[in-house]
Every structure is written in C-alpha cells, then in structure tokens.
Amino acid sequence: MAPAAPRAPRAPRAPRPLGAARLLLLLLLLLLLLLGPAGRRAAGAPVVAELRCQCLQTLQGIHLRNIQNVQVTPSGPHCARTEVVATLKDGREVCLNPEAPLVKRMIQKMLSNSN
C-alpha cells in the first residue's frame, strides 16, 4: 500500500451567526437587566448609571416622615446638575428637585445638624 498523501490544512471556519432564537433571547435578557426586577419605575425614581445623571424626573417634595435617608450628589463631570436622591422607608428611591423650597430647607437642616 502506498502512504496516504498528507491533507491540506483546513481553512479556519467563520463564526456562525446567531440564530433568530438566540438573538431574541439575548435581547430579552438585556431588557430584563435594564428594567430591573419590578419591570417599571415610579415617577421620580433614579436611573442607576455611573457616568450620567441618575435623575431623569424629579419630585417637588415628599413628606419628611416618609424619608429614611437622603443622598446629595453635587454637579460634576457625570452630571451638570446637583441631584438629591431620597430613600423612603418602604425602600424605594425617589429623586427630589434640589431647587424646590422644601428640598432646600431639608438640605440646610441636614447640613446644620451635621455641624
């Protein structure tokens, strides 16, 4: 028997395109990640992102006894405006308008209490 001739090397395979079902699944997963577990956001709820403004909509005020914590983020490279995010006692987070008189008084009271 004669020795077999060596085979020519195979050309590398091109990556297979994603099937329609895989693409749909990927899009659904991305959508779920963006919307979060609740699927909807309340008015004034912050949008979590690192390099952009968190608050797309703001509330003029909320009753003080509903607030558990307040976080004030000054303007900077991530956002051109000051943002006030209040954590409510039920766990929700809402954005408050930093120019509203009630919010200004609340921030001043917080600053005076910390000194």
PDB file of N, CA and C in Angstrom:
ATOM      1  N   MET A   1       0.816  -1.181   0.000  1.00  0.00           N
ATOM      2  CA  MET A   1       0.000   0.000   0.000  1.00  0.00           C
ATOM      3  C   MET A   1       0.861   1.246   0.000  1.00  0.00           C
ATOM      4  N   ALA A   2       0.408   2.178  -0.716  1.00  0.00           N
ATOM      5  CA  ALA A   2       1.149   3.434  -0.794  1.00  0.00           C
ATOM      6  C   ALA A   2       0.748   4.332   0.367  1.00  0.00           C
ATOM      7  N   PRO A   3       1.718   5.102   0.932  1.00  0.00           N
ATOM      8  CA  PRO A   3       1.372   6.002   2.038  1.00  0.00           C
ATOM      9  C   PRO A   3       0.382   7.059   1.549  1.00  0.00           C
ATOM     10  N   ALA A   4      -0.553   7.421   2.451  1.00  0.00           N
ATOM     11  CA  ALA A   4      -1.576   8.414   2.102  1.00  0.00           C
ATOM     12  C   ALA A   4      -0.926   9.784   2.019  1.00  0.00           C
ATOM     13  N   ALA A   5      -1.396  10.522   1.076  1.00  0.00           N
ATOM     14  CA  ALA A   5      -0.870  11.884   0.908  1.00  0.00           C
ATOM     15  C   ALA A   5      -1.358  12.754   2.068  1.00  0.00           C
ATOM     16  N   PRO A   6      -0.483  13.635   2.579  1.00  0.00           N
ATOM     17  CA  PRO A   6      -0.906  14.485   3.690  1.00  0.00           C
ATOM     18  C   PRO A   6      -2.035  15.423   3.233  1.00  0.00           C
ATOM     19  N   ARG A   7      -2.989  15.628   4.134  1.00  0.00           N
ATOM     20  CA  ARG A   7      -4.110  16.515   3.811  1.00  0.00           C
ATOM     21  C   ARG A   7      -3.680  17.972   3.902  1.00  0.00           C
ATOM     22  N   ALA A   8      -4.311  18.760   3.083  1.00  0.00           N
ATOM     23  CA  ALA A   8      -4.066  20.204   3.134  1.00  0.00           C
ATOM     24  C   ALA A   8      -4.737  20.751   4.400  1.00  0.00           C
ATOM     25  N   PRO A   9      -4.111  21.716   5.055  1.00  0.00           N
ATOM     26  CA  PRO A   9      -4.735  22.264   6.271  1.00  0.00           C
ATOM     27  C   PRO A   9      -6.074  22.921   5.928  1.00  0.00           C
ATOM     28  N   ARG A  10      -7.024  22.770   6.866  1.00  0.00           N
ATOM     29  CA  ARG A  10      -8.345  23.362   6.650  1.00  0.00           C
ATOM     30  C   ARG A  10      -8.295  24.854   6.937  1.00  0.00           C
ATOM     31  N   ALA A  11      -9.090  25.557   6.184  1.00  0.00           N
ATOM     32  CA  ALA A  11      -9.221  26.998   6.434  1.00  0.00           C
ATOM     33  C   ALA A  11     -10.042  27.180   7.706  1.00  0.00           C
ATOM     34  N   PRO A  12      -9.720  28.183   8.506  1.00  0.00           N
ATOM     35  CA  PRO A  12     -10.499  28.394   9.734  1.00  0.00           C
ATOM     36  C   PRO A  12     -11.950  28.725   9.385  1.00  0.00           C
ATOM     37  N   ARG A  13     -12.838  28.207  10.229  1.00  0.00           N
ATOM     38  CA  ARG A  13     -14.252  28.447   9.999  1.00  0.00           C
ATOM     39  C   ARG A  13     -14.620  29.858  10.412  1.00  0.00           C
ATOM     40  N   ALA A  14     -15.507  30.446   9.659  1.00  0.00           N
ATOM     41  CA  ALA A  14     -16.036  31.749  10.035  1.00  0.00           C
ATOM     42  C   ALA A  14     -17.035  31.535  11.179  1.00  0.00           C
ATOM     43  N   PRO A  15     -17.121  32.468  12.131  1.00  0.00           N
ATOM     44  CA  PRO A  15     -18.072  32.286  13.221  1.00  0.00           C
ATOM     45  C   PRO A  15     -19.497  32.237  12.673  1.00  0.00           C
ATOM     46  N   ARG A  16     -20.286  31.339  13.252  1.00  0.00           N
ATOM     47  CA  ARG A  16     -21.661  31.207  12.806  1.00  0.00           C
ATOM     48  C   ARG A  16     -22.488  32.367  13.332  1.00  0.00           C
ATOM     49  N   PRO A  17     -23.350  32.908  12.506  1.00  0.00           N
ATOM     50  CA  PRO A  17     -24.196  33.997  13.002  1.00  0.00           C
ATOM     51  C   PRO A  17     -25.187  33.455  14.031  1.00  0.00           C
ATOM     52  N   LEU A  18     -25.593  34.334  14.948  1.00  0.00           N
ATOM     53  CA  LEU A  18     -26.560  33.931  15.962  1.00  0.00           C
ATOM     54  C   LEU A  18     -27.887  33.607  15.297  1.00  0.00           C
ATOM     55  N   GLY A  19     -28.503  32.574  15.747  1.00  0.00           N
ATOM     56  CA  GLY A  19     -29.810  32.231  15.239  1.00  0.00           C
ATOM     57  C   GLY A  19     -30.841  33.231  15.747  1.00  0.00           C
ATOM     58  N   ALA A  20     -31.967  33.274  15.112  1.00  0.00           N
ATOM     59  CA  ALA A  20     -33.015  34.221  15.498  1.00  0.00           C
ATOM     60  C   ALA A  20     -33.461  33.986  16.941  1.00  0.00           C
ATOM     61  N   ALA A  21     -33.549  32.731  17.364  1.00  0.00           N
ATOM     62  CA  ALA A  21     -33.979  32.440  18.732  1.00  0.00           C
ATOM     63  C   ALA A  21     -32.933  32.917  19.742  1.00  0.00           C
ATOM     64  N   ARG A  22     -31.668  32.714  19.447  1.00  0.00           N
ATOM     65  CA  ARG A  22     -30.608  33.179  20.351  1.00  0.00           C
ATOM     66  C   ARG A  22     -30.592  34.695  20.437  1.00  0.00           C
ATOM     67  N   LEU A  23     -30.753  35.352  19.320  1.00  0.00           N
ATOM     68  CA  LEU A  23     -30.762  36.804  19.300  1.00  0.00           C
ATOM     69  C   LEU A  23     -31.939  37.344  20.105  1.00  0.00           C
ATOM     70  N   LEU A  24     -33.103  36.739  19.961  1.00  0.00           N
ATOM     71  CA  LEU A  24     -34.278  37.158  20.713  1.00  0.00           C
ATOM     72  C   LEU A  24     -34.059  36.952  22.206  1.00  0.00           C
ATOM     73  N   LEU A  25     -33.469  35.829  22.585  1.00  0.00           N
ATOM     74  CA  LEU A  25     -33.179  35.553  23.989  1.00  0.00           C
ATOM     75  C   LEU A  25     -32.201  36.586  24.557  1.00  0.00           C
ATOM     76  N   LEU A  26     -31.186  36.921  23.795  1.00  0.00           N
ATOM     77  CA  LEU A  26     -30.213  37.916  24.233  1.00  0.00           C
ATOM     78  C   LEU A  26     -30.876  39.273  24.435  1.00  0.00           C
ATOM     79  N   LEU A  27     -31.744  39.672  23.518  1.00  0.00           N
ATOM     80  CA  LEU A  27     -32.440  40.950  23.648  1.00  0.00           C
ATOM     81  C   LEU A  27     -33.368  40.958  24.863  1.00  0.00           C
ATOM     82  N   LEU A  28     -34.046  39.855  25.128  1.00  0.00           N
ATOM     83  CA  LEU A  28     -34.925  39.775  26.293  1.00  0.00           C
ATOM     84  C   LEU A  28     -34.132  39.877  27.594  1.00  0.00           C
ATOM     85  N   LEU A  29     -32.981  39.230  27.647  1.00  0.00           N
ATOM     86  CA  LEU A  29     -32.144  39.314  28.843  1.00  0.00           C
ATOM     87  C   LEU A  29     -31.649  40.736  29.077  1.00  0.00           C
ATOM     88  N   LEU A  30     -31.253  41.416  28.013  1.00  0.00           N
ATOM     89  CA  LEU A  30     -30.820  42.807  28.147  1.00  0.00           C
ATOM     90  C   LEU A  30     -31.967  43.688  28.632  1.00  0.00           C
ATOM     91  N   LEU A  31     -33.152  43.461  28.112  1.00  0.00           N
ATOM     92  CA  LEU A  31     -34.317  44.235  28.517  1.00  0.00           C
ATOM     93  C   LEU A  31     -34.628  44.012  29.998  1.00  0.00           C
ATOM     94  N   LEU A  32     -34.545  42.766  30.449  1.00  0.00           N
ATOM     95  CA  LEU A  32     -34.787  42.475  31.858  1.00  0.00           C
ATOM     96  C   LEU A  32     -33.749  43.139  32.755  1.00  0.00           C
ATOM     97  N   LEU A  33     -32.508  43.168  32.314  1.00  0.00           N
ATOM     98  CA  LEU A  33     -31.460  43.814  33.107  1.00  0.00           C
ATOM     99  C   LEU A  33     -31.691  45.313  33.200  1.00  0.00           C
ATOM    100  N   LEU A  34     -32.151  45.919  32.114  1.00  0.00           N
ATOM    101  CA  LEU A  34     -32.372  47.361  32.116  1.00  0.00           C
ATOM    102  C   LEU A  34     -33.580  47.757  32.953  1.00  0.00           C
ATOM    103  N   LEU A  35     -34.629  46.962  32.922  1.00  0.00           N
ATOM    104  CA  LEU A  35     -35.847  47.312  33.649  1.00  0.00           C
ATOM    105  C   LEU A  35     -35.803  46.921  35.114  1.00  0.00           C
ATOM    106  N   GLY A  36     -34.979  45.988  35.472  1.00  0.00           N
ATOM    107  CA  GLY A  36     -34.888  45.566  36.850  1.00  0.00           C
ATOM    108  C   GLY A  36     -35.990  44.593  37.196  1.00  0.00           C
ATOM    109  N   PRO A  37     -36.030  44.142  38.459  1.00  0.00           N
ATOM    110  CA  PRO A  37     -36.989  43.113  38.842  1.00  0.00           C
ATOM    111  C   PRO A  37     -38.434  43.581  38.806  1.00  0.00           C
ATOM    112  N   ALA A  38     -38.680  44.853  39.066  1.00  0.00           N
ATOM    113  CA  ALA A  38     -40.061  45.325  39.090  1.00  0.00           C
ATOM    114  C   ALA A  38     -40.618  45.502  37.690  1.00  0.00           C
ATOM    115  N   GLY A  39     -39.752  45.763  36.721  1.00  0.00           N
ATOM    116  CA  GLY A  39     -40.219  45.938  35.354  1.00  0.00           C
ATOM    117  C   GLY A  39     -40.662  47.352  35.057  1.00  0.00           C
ATOM    118  N   ARG A  40     -40.951  48.124  36.072  1.00  0.00           N
ATOM    119  CA  ARG A  40     -41.371  49.519  35.882  1.00  0.00           C
ATOM    120  C   ARG A  40     -40.706  50.362  36.943  1.00  0.00           C
ATOM    121  N   ARG A  41     -40.594  51.628  36.642  1.00  0.00           N
ATOM    122  CA  ARG A  41     -40.029  52.561  37.605  1.00  0.00           C
ATOM    123  C   ARG A  41     -41.091  53.592  37.955  1.00  0.00           C
ATOM    124  N   ALA A  42     -41.115  53.997  39.200  1.00  0.00           N
ATOM    125  CA  ALA A  42     -42.060  55.013  39.643  1.00  0.00           C
ATOM    126  C   ALA A  42     -41.575  56.382  39.193  1.00  0.00           C
ATOM    127  N   ALA A  43     -42.487  57.336  39.115  1.00  0.00           N
ATOM    128  CA  ALA A  43     -42.119  58.703  38.748  1.00  0.00           C
ATOM    129  C   ALA A  43     -41.125  59.237  39.762  1.00  0.00           C
ATOM    130  N   GLY A  44     -40.072  59.843  39.280  1.00  0.00           N
ATOM    131  CA  GLY A  44     -39.057  60.393  40.155  1.00  0.00           C
ATOM    132  C   GLY A  44     -38.019  59.382  40.586  1.00  0.00           C
ATOM    133  N   ALA A  45     -38.113  58.146  40.121  1.00  0.00           N
ATOM    134  CA  ALA A  45     -37.150  57.120  40.514  1.00  0.00           C
ATOM    135  C   ALA A  45     -35.837  57.335  39.787  1.00  0.00           C
ATOM    136  N   PRO A  46     -34.725  57.136  40.470  1.00  0.00           N
ATOM    137  CA  PRO A  46     -33.436  57.340  39.814  1.00  0.00           C
ATOM    138  C   PRO A  46     -33.117  56.218  38.833  1.00  0.00           C
ATOM    139  N   VAL A  47     -32.371  56.574  37.842  1.00  0.00           N
ATOM    140  CA  VAL A  47     -31.862  55.593  36.894  1.00  0.00           C
ATOM    141  C   VAL A  47     -30.412  55.358  37.272  1.00  0.00           C
ATOM    142  N   VAL A  48     -30.082  54.139  37.574  1.00  0.00           N
ATOM    143  CA  VAL A  48     -28.740  53.846  38.058  1.00  0.00           C
ATOM    144  C   VAL A  48     -27.788  53.782  36.872  1.00  0.00           C
ATOM    145  N   ALA A  49     -26.802  54.621  36.906  1.00  0.00           N
ATOM    146  CA  ALA A  49     -25.751  54.652  35.895  1.00  0.00           C
ATOM    147  C   ALA A  49     -24.560  55.363  36.505  1.00  0.00           C
ATOM    148  N   GLU A  50     -23.388  55.043  36.052  1.00  0.00           N
ATOM    149  CA  GLU A  50     -22.207  55.611  36.674  1.00  0.00           C
ATOM    150  C   GLU A  50     -21.802  56.955  36.091  1.00  0.00           C
ATOM    151  N   LEU A  51     -21.870  57.108  34.798  1.00  0.00           N
ATOM    152  CA  LEU A  51     -21.310  58.298  34.181  1.00  0.00           C
ATOM    153  C   LEU A  51     -22.357  59.191  33.549  1.00  0.00           C
ATOM    154  N   ARG A  52     -23.525  59.251  34.144  1.00  0.00           N
ATOM    155  CA  ARG A  52     -24.547  60.176  33.669  1.00  0.00           C
ATOM    156  C   ARG A  52     -25.448  60.527  34.838  1.00  0.00           C
ATOM    157  N   CYS A  53     -26.336  61.466  34.610  1.00  0.00           N
ATOM    158  CA  CYS A  53     -27.254  61.871  35.674  1.00  0.00           C
ATOM    159  C   CYS A  53     -28.115  60.691  36.090  1.00  0.00           C
ATOM    160  N   GLN A  54     -28.356  60.569  37.388  1.00  0.00           N
ATOM    161  CA  GLN A  54     -29.205  59.496  37.891  1.00  0.00           C
ATOM    162  C   GLN A  54     -30.676  59.855  37.757  1.00  0.00           C
ATOM    163  N   CYS A  55     -30.999  61.116  37.909  1.00  0.00           N
ATOM    164  CA  CYS A  55     -32.394  61.531  37.979  1.00  0.00           C
ATOM    165  C   CYS A  55     -32.872  62.070  36.631  1.00  0.00           C
ATOM    166  N   LEU A  56     -33.829  61.373  36.055  1.00  0.00           N
ATOM    167  CA  LEU A  56     -34.445  61.855  34.825  1.00  0.00           C
ATOM    168  C   LEU A  56     -35.678  62.696  35.141  1.00  0.00           C
ATOM    169  N   GLN A  57     -36.396  62.337  36.187  1.00  0.00           N
ATOM    170  CA  GLN A  57     -37.562  63.087  36.645  1.00  0.00           C
ATOM    171  C   GLN A  57     -37.384  63.356  38.129  1.00  0.00           C
ATOM    172  N   THR A  58     -37.911  64.501  38.580  1.00  0.00           N
ATOM    173  CA  THR A  58     -37.802  64.838  39.987  1.00  0.00           C
ATOM    174  C   THR A  58     -39.175  65.176  40.554  1.00  0.00           C
ATOM    175  N   LEU A  59     -39.303  64.971  41.854  1.00  0.00           N
ATOM    176  CA  LEU A  59     -40.494  65.364  42.585  1.00  0.00           C
ATOM    177  C   LEU A  59     -40.200  66.678  43.293  1.00  0.00           C
ATOM    178  N   GLN A  60     -41.237  67.491  43.506  1.00  0.00           N
ATOM    179  CA  GLN A  60     -41.051  68.777  44.174  1.00  0.00           C
ATOM    180  C   GLN A  60     -40.832  68.599  45.672  1.00  0.00           C
ATOM    181  N   GLY A  61     -41.351  67.545  46.217  1.00  0.00           N
ATOM    182  CA  GLY A  61     -41.167  67.286  47.632  1.00  0.00           C
ATOM    183  C   GLY A  61     -41.919  66.041  48.046  1.00  0.00           C
ATOM    184  N   ILE A  62     -41.650  65.614  49.245  1.00  0.00           N
ATOM    185  CA  ILE A  62     -42.304  64.437  49.799  1.00  0.00           C
ATOM    186  C   ILE A  62     -42.339  64.638  51.306  1.00  0.00           C
ATOM    187  N   HIS A  63     -43.299  64.045  51.971  1.00  0.00           N
ATOM    188  CA  HIS A  63     -43.424  64.253  53.411  1.00  0.00           C
ATOM    189  C   HIS A  63     -42.189  63.701  54.119  1.00  0.00           C
ATOM    190  N   LEU A  64     -41.673  64.489  55.045  1.00  0.00           N
ATOM    191  CA  LEU A  64     -40.415  64.144  55.709  1.00  0.00           C
ATOM    192  C   LEU A  64     -40.480  62.841  56.492  1.00  0.00           C
ATOM    193  N   ARG A  65     -41.638  62.491  57.027  1.00  0.00           N
ATOM    194  CA  ARG A  65     -41.693  61.261  57.826  1.00  0.00           C
ATOM    195  C   ARG A  65     -41.635  60.011  56.962  1.00  0.00           C
ATOM    196  N   ASN A  66     -41.754  60.154  55.624  1.00  0.00           N
ATOM    197  CA  ASN A  66     -41.620  59.013  54.719  1.00  0.00           C
ATOM    198  C   ASN A  66     -40.167  58.754  54.319  1.00  0.00           C
ATOM    199  N   ILE A  67     -39.281  59.689  54.635  1.00  0.00           N
ATOM    200  CA  ILE A  67     -37.887  59.607  54.187  1.00  0.00           C
ATOM    201  C   ILE A  67     -37.025  58.926  55.240  1.00  0.00           C
ATOM    202  N   GLN A  68     -36.241  57.962  54.791  1.00  0.00           N
ATOM    203  CA  GLN A  68     -35.304  57.264  55.668  1.00  0.00           C
ATOM    204  C   GLN A  68     -33.907  57.860  55.543  1.00  0.00           C
ATOM    205  N   ASN A  69     -33.497  58.205  54.307  1.00  0.00           N
ATOM    206  CA  ASN A  69     -32.142  58.681  54.053  1.00  0.00           C
ATOM    207  C   ASN A  69     -32.171  59.606  52.844  1.00  0.00           C
ATOM    208  N   VAL A  70     -31.244  60.554  52.805  1.00  0.00           N
ATOM    209  CA  VAL A  70     -31.125  61.460  51.662  1.00  0.00           C
ATOM    210  C   VAL A  70     -29.668  61.505  51.236  1.00  0.00           C
ATOM    211  N   GLN A  71     -29.461  61.413  49.934  1.00  0.00           N
ATOM    212  CA  GLN A  71     -28.110  61.499  49.386  1.00  0.00           C
ATOM    213  C   GLN A  71     -28.074  62.661  48.400  1.00  0.00           C
ATOM    214  N   VAL A  72     -27.160  63.583  48.616  1.00  0.00           N
ATOM    215  CA  VAL A  72     -26.993  64.732  47.724  1.00  0.00           C
ATOM    216  C   VAL A  72     -25.713  64.522  46.932  1.00  0.00           C
ATOM    217  N   THR A  73     -25.835  64.553  45.599  1.00  0.00           N
ATOM    218  CA  THR A  73     -24.682  64.403  44.715  1.00  0.00           C
ATOM    219  C   THR A  73     -24.462  65.734  44.012  1.00  0.00           C
ATOM    220  N   PRO A  74     -23.347  66.420  44.286  1.00  0.00           N
ATOM    221  CA  PRO A  74     -23.102  67.697  43.624  1.00  0.00           C
ATOM    222  C   PRO A  74     -22.849  67.512  42.128  1.00  0.00           C
ATOM    223  N   SER A  75     -23.000  68.592  41.397  1.00  0.00           N
ATOM    224  CA  SER A  75     -22.730  68.529  39.957  1.00  0.00           C
ATOM    225  C   SER A  75     -21.258  68.208  39.738  1.00  0.00           C
ATOM    226  N   GLY A  76     -20.974  67.589  38.622  1.00  0.00           N
ATOM    227  CA  GLY A  76     -19.610  67.193  38.308  1.00  0.00           C
ATOM    228  C   GLY A  76     -19.539  66.706  36.877  1.00  0.00           C
ATOM    229  N   PRO A  77     -18.484  65.969  36.531  1.00  0.00           N
ATOM    230  CA  PRO A  77     -18.330  65.511  35.149  1.00  0.00           C
ATOM    231  C   PRO A  77     -19.402  64.503  34.731  1.00  0.00           C
ATOM    232  N   HIS A  78     -20.012  63.807  35.719  1.00  0.00           N
ATOM    233  CA  HIS A  78     -21.048  62.826  35.403  1.00  0.00           C
ATOM    234  C   HIS A  78     -22.388  63.488  35.125  1.00  0.00           C
ATOM    235  N   CYS A  79     -22.634  64.667  35.721  1.00  0.00           N
ATOM    236  CA  CYS A  79     -23.929  65.327  35.582  1.00  0.00           C
ATOM    237  C   CYS A  79     -23.742  66.815  35.862  1.00  0.00           C
ATOM    238  N   ALA A  80     -24.381  67.653  35.064  1.00  0.00           N
ATOM    239  CA  ALA A  80     -24.210  69.096  35.188  1.00  0.00           C
ATOM    240  C   ALA A  80     -25.056  69.694  36.307  1.00  0.00           C
ATOM    241  N   ARG A  81     -25.946  68.930  36.902  1.00  0.00           N
ATOM    242  CA  ARG A  81     -26.813  69.480  37.945  1.00  0.00           C
ATOM    243  C   ARG A  81     -26.667  68.688  39.246  1.00  0.00           C
ATOM    244  N   THR A  82     -26.993  69.350  40.347  1.00  0.00           N
ATOM    245  CA  THR A  82     -26.998  68.701  41.647  1.00  0.00           C
ATOM    246  C   THR A  82     -28.196  67.763  41.708  1.00  0.00           C
ATOM    247  N   GLU A  83     -27.978  66.563  42.279  1.00  0.00           N
ATOM    248  CA  GLU A  83     -29.048  65.579  42.373  1.00  0.00           C
ATOM    249  C   GLU A  83     -29.296  65.234  43.835  1.00  0.00           C
ATOM    250  N   VAL A  84     -30.585  65.114  44.187  1.00  0.00           N
ATOM    251  CA  VAL A  84     -30.986  64.748  45.536  1.00  0.00           C
ATOM    252  C   VAL A  84     -31.818  63.477  45.432  1.00  0.00           C
ATOM    253  N   VAL A  85     -31.303  62.375  45.982  1.00  0.00           N
ATOM    254  CA  VAL A  85     -31.990  61.082  45.949  1.00  0.00           C
ATOM    255  C   VAL A  85     -32.395  60.730  47.367  1.00  0.00           C
ATOM    256  N   ALA A  86     -33.701  60.566  47.580  1.00  0.00           N
ATOM    257  CA  ALA A  86     -34.221  60.213  48.903  1.00  0.00           C
ATOM    258  C   ALA A  86     -34.605  58.735  48.906  1.00  0.00           C
ATOM    259  N   THR A  87     -34.163  58.021  49.933  1.00  0.00           N
ATOM    260  CA  THR A  87     -34.581  56.636  50.141  1.00  0.00           C
ATOM    261  C   THR A  87     -35.748  56.662  51.110  1.00  0.00           C
ATOM    262  N   LEU A  88     -36.872  56.102  50.680  1.00  0.00           N
ATOM    263  CA  LEU A  88     -38.068  56.103  51.505  1.00  0.00           C
ATOM    264  C   LEU A  88     -38.042  54.922  52.472  1.00  0.00           C
ATOM    265  N   LYS A  89     -38.899  54.963  53.464  1.00  0.00           N
ATOM    266  CA  LYS A  89     -38.940  53.896  54.467  1.00  0.00           C
ATOM    267  C   LYS A  89     -39.383  52.571  53.878  1.00  0.00           C
ATOM    268  N   ASP A  90     -40.095  52.606  52.752  1.00  0.00           N
ATOM    269  CA  ASP A  90     -40.506  51.354  52.113  1.00  0.00           C
ATOM    270  C   ASP A  90     -39.447  50.817  51.150  1.00  0.00           C
ATOM    271  N   GLY A  91     -38.274  51.498  51.095  1.00  0.00           N
ATOM    272  CA  GLY A  91     -37.162  51.001  50.294  1.00  0.00           C
ATOM    273  C   GLY A  91     -37.043  51.637  48.919  1.00  0.00           C
ATOM    274  N   ARG A  92     -38.064  52.337  48.462  1.00  0.00           N
ATOM    275  CA  ARG A  92     -37.989  52.982  47.146  1.00  0.00           C
ATOM    276  C   ARG A  92     -37.050  54.180  47.199  1.00  0.00           C
ATOM    277  N   GLU A  93     -36.499  54.512  46.049  1.00  0.00           N
ATOM    278  CA  GLU A  93     -35.671  55.713  45.926  1.00  0.00           C
ATOM    279  C   GLU A  93     -36.365  56.660  44.972  1.00  0.00           C
ATOM    280  N   VAL A  94     -36.431  57.939  45.352  1.00  0.00           N
ATOM    281  CA  VAL A  94     -37.037  58.959  44.501  1.00  0.00           C
ATOM    282  C   VAL A  94     -36.078  60.131  44.387  1.00  0.00           C
ATOM    283  N   CYS A  95     -36.133  60.796  43.259  1.00  0.00           N
ATOM    284  CA  CYS A  95     -35.317  61.979  43.037  1.00  0.00           C
ATOM    285  C   CYS A  95     -36.139  63.210  43.386  1.00  0.00           C
ATOM    286  N   LEU A  96     -35.522  64.106  44.129  1.00  0.00           N
ATOM    287  CA  LEU A  96     -36.179  65.342  44.520  1.00  0.00           C
ATOM    288  C   LEU A  96     -35.558  66.508  43.776  1.00  0.00           C
ATOM    289  N   ASN A  97     -36.363  67.524  43.501  1.00  0.00           N
ATOM    290  CA  ASN A  97     -35.884  68.718  42.816  1.00  0.00           C
ATOM    291  C   ASN A  97     -35.064  69.544  43.803  1.00  0.00           C
ATOM    292  N   PRO A  98     -33.760  69.726  43.556  1.00  0.00           N
ATOM    293  CA  PRO A  98     -32.930  70.474  44.508  1.00  0.00           C
ATOM    294  C   PRO A  98     -33.285  71.955  44.580  1.00  0.00           C
ATOM    295  N   GLU A  99     -34.063  72.458  43.635  1.00  0.00           N
ATOM    296  CA  GLU A  99     -34.453  73.873  43.627  1.00  0.00           C
ATOM    297  C   GLU A  99     -35.776  74.111  44.344  1.00  0.00           C
ATOM    298  N   ALA A 100     -36.484  73.056  44.710  1.00  0.00           N
ATOM    299  CA  ALA A 100     -37.761  73.203  45.409  1.00  0.00           C
ATOM    300  C   ALA A 100     -37.507  73.736  46.818  1.00  0.00           C
ATOM    301  N   PRO A 101     -38.344  74.660  47.303  1.00  0.00           N
ATOM    302  CA  PRO A 101     -38.125  75.247  48.635  1.00  0.00           C
ATOM    303  C   PRO A 101     -38.073  74.203  49.758  1.00  0.00           C
ATOM    304  N   LEU A 102     -38.945  73.207  49.715  1.00  0.00           N
ATOM    305  CA  LEU A 102     -38.942  72.171  50.758  1.00  0.00           C
ATOM    306  C   LEU A 102     -37.629  71.403  50.770  1.00  0.00           C
ATOM    307  N   VAL A 103     -37.119  71.091  49.600  1.00  0.00           N
ATOM    308  CA  VAL A 103     -35.870  70.324  49.494  1.00  0.00           C
ATOM    309  C   VAL A 103     -34.697  71.182  49.960  1.00  0.00           C
ATOM    310  N   LYS A 104     -34.707  72.464  49.609  1.00  0.00           N
ATOM    311  CA  LYS A 104     -33.638  73.358  50.073  1.00  0.00           C
ATOM    312  C   LYS A 104     -33.612  73.438  51.596  1.00  0.00           C
ATOM    313  N   ARG A 105     -34.795  73.565  52.215  1.00  0.00           N
ATOM    314  CA  ARG A 105     -34.855  73.622  53.682  1.00  0.00           C
ATOM    315  C   ARG A 105     -34.366  72.313  54.302  1.00  0.00           C
ATOM    316  N   MET A 106     -34.724  71.199  53.680  1.00  0.00           N
ATOM    317  CA  MET A 106     -34.307  69.899  54.193  1.00  0.00           C
ATOM    318  C   MET A 106     -32.780  69.767  54.138  1.00  0.00           C
ATOM    319  N   ILE A 107     -32.173  70.206  53.034  1.00  0.00           N
ATOM    320  CA  ILE A 107     -30.714  70.129  52.901  1.00  0.00           C
ATOM    321  C   ILE A 107     -30.042  71.042  53.913  1.00  0.00           C
ATOM    322  N   GLN A 108     -30.561  72.253  54.096  1.00  0.00           N
ATOM    323  CA  GLN A 108     -29.988  73.168  55.082  1.00  0.00           C
ATOM    324  C   GLN A 108     -30.071  72.585  56.493  1.00  0.00           C
ATOM    325  N   LYS A 109     -31.205  71.940  56.801  1.00  0.00           N
ATOM    326  CA  LYS A 109     -31.366  71.327  58.123  1.00  0.00           C
ATOM    327  C   LYS A 109     -30.366  70.187  58.305  1.00  0.00           C
ATOM    328  N   MET A 110     -30.154  69.384  57.268  1.00  0.00           N
ATOM    329  CA  MET A 110     -29.183  68.307  57.349  1.00  0.00           C
ATOM    330  C   MET A 110     -27.781  68.840  57.574  1.00  0.00           C
ATOM    331  N   LEU A 111     -27.427  69.904  56.849  1.00  0.00           N
ATOM    332  CA  LEU A 111     -26.103  70.492  56.996  1.00  0.00           C
ATOM    333  C   LEU A 111     -25.893  71.088  58.384  1.00  0.00           C
ATOM    334  N   SER A 112     -26.923  71.752  58.925  1.00  0.00           N
ATOM    335  CA  SER A 112     -26.776  72.351  60.253  1.00  0.00           C
ATOM    336  C   SER A 112     -26.697  71.277  61.326  1.00  0.00           C
ATOM    337  N   ASN A 113     -27.390  70.152  61.153  1.00  0.00           N
ATOM    338  CA  ASN A 113     -27.331  69.066  62.138  1.00  0.00           C
ATOM    339  C   ASN A 113     -25.992  68.343  62.118  1.00  0.00           C
ATOM    340  N   SER A 114     -25.337  68.295  60.958  1.00  0.00           N
ATOM    341  CA  SER A 114     -24.063  67.579  60.864  1.00  0.00           C
ATOM    342  C   SER A 114     -22.922  68.395  61.478  1.00  0.00           C
ATOM    343  N   ASN A 115     -23.098  69.711  61.618  1.00  0.00           N
ATOM    344  CA  ASN A 115     -22.028  70.554  62.193  1.00  0.00           C
ATOM    345  C   ASN A 115     -22.133  70.669  63.653  1.00  0.00           C
TER     346      ASN A 115
END
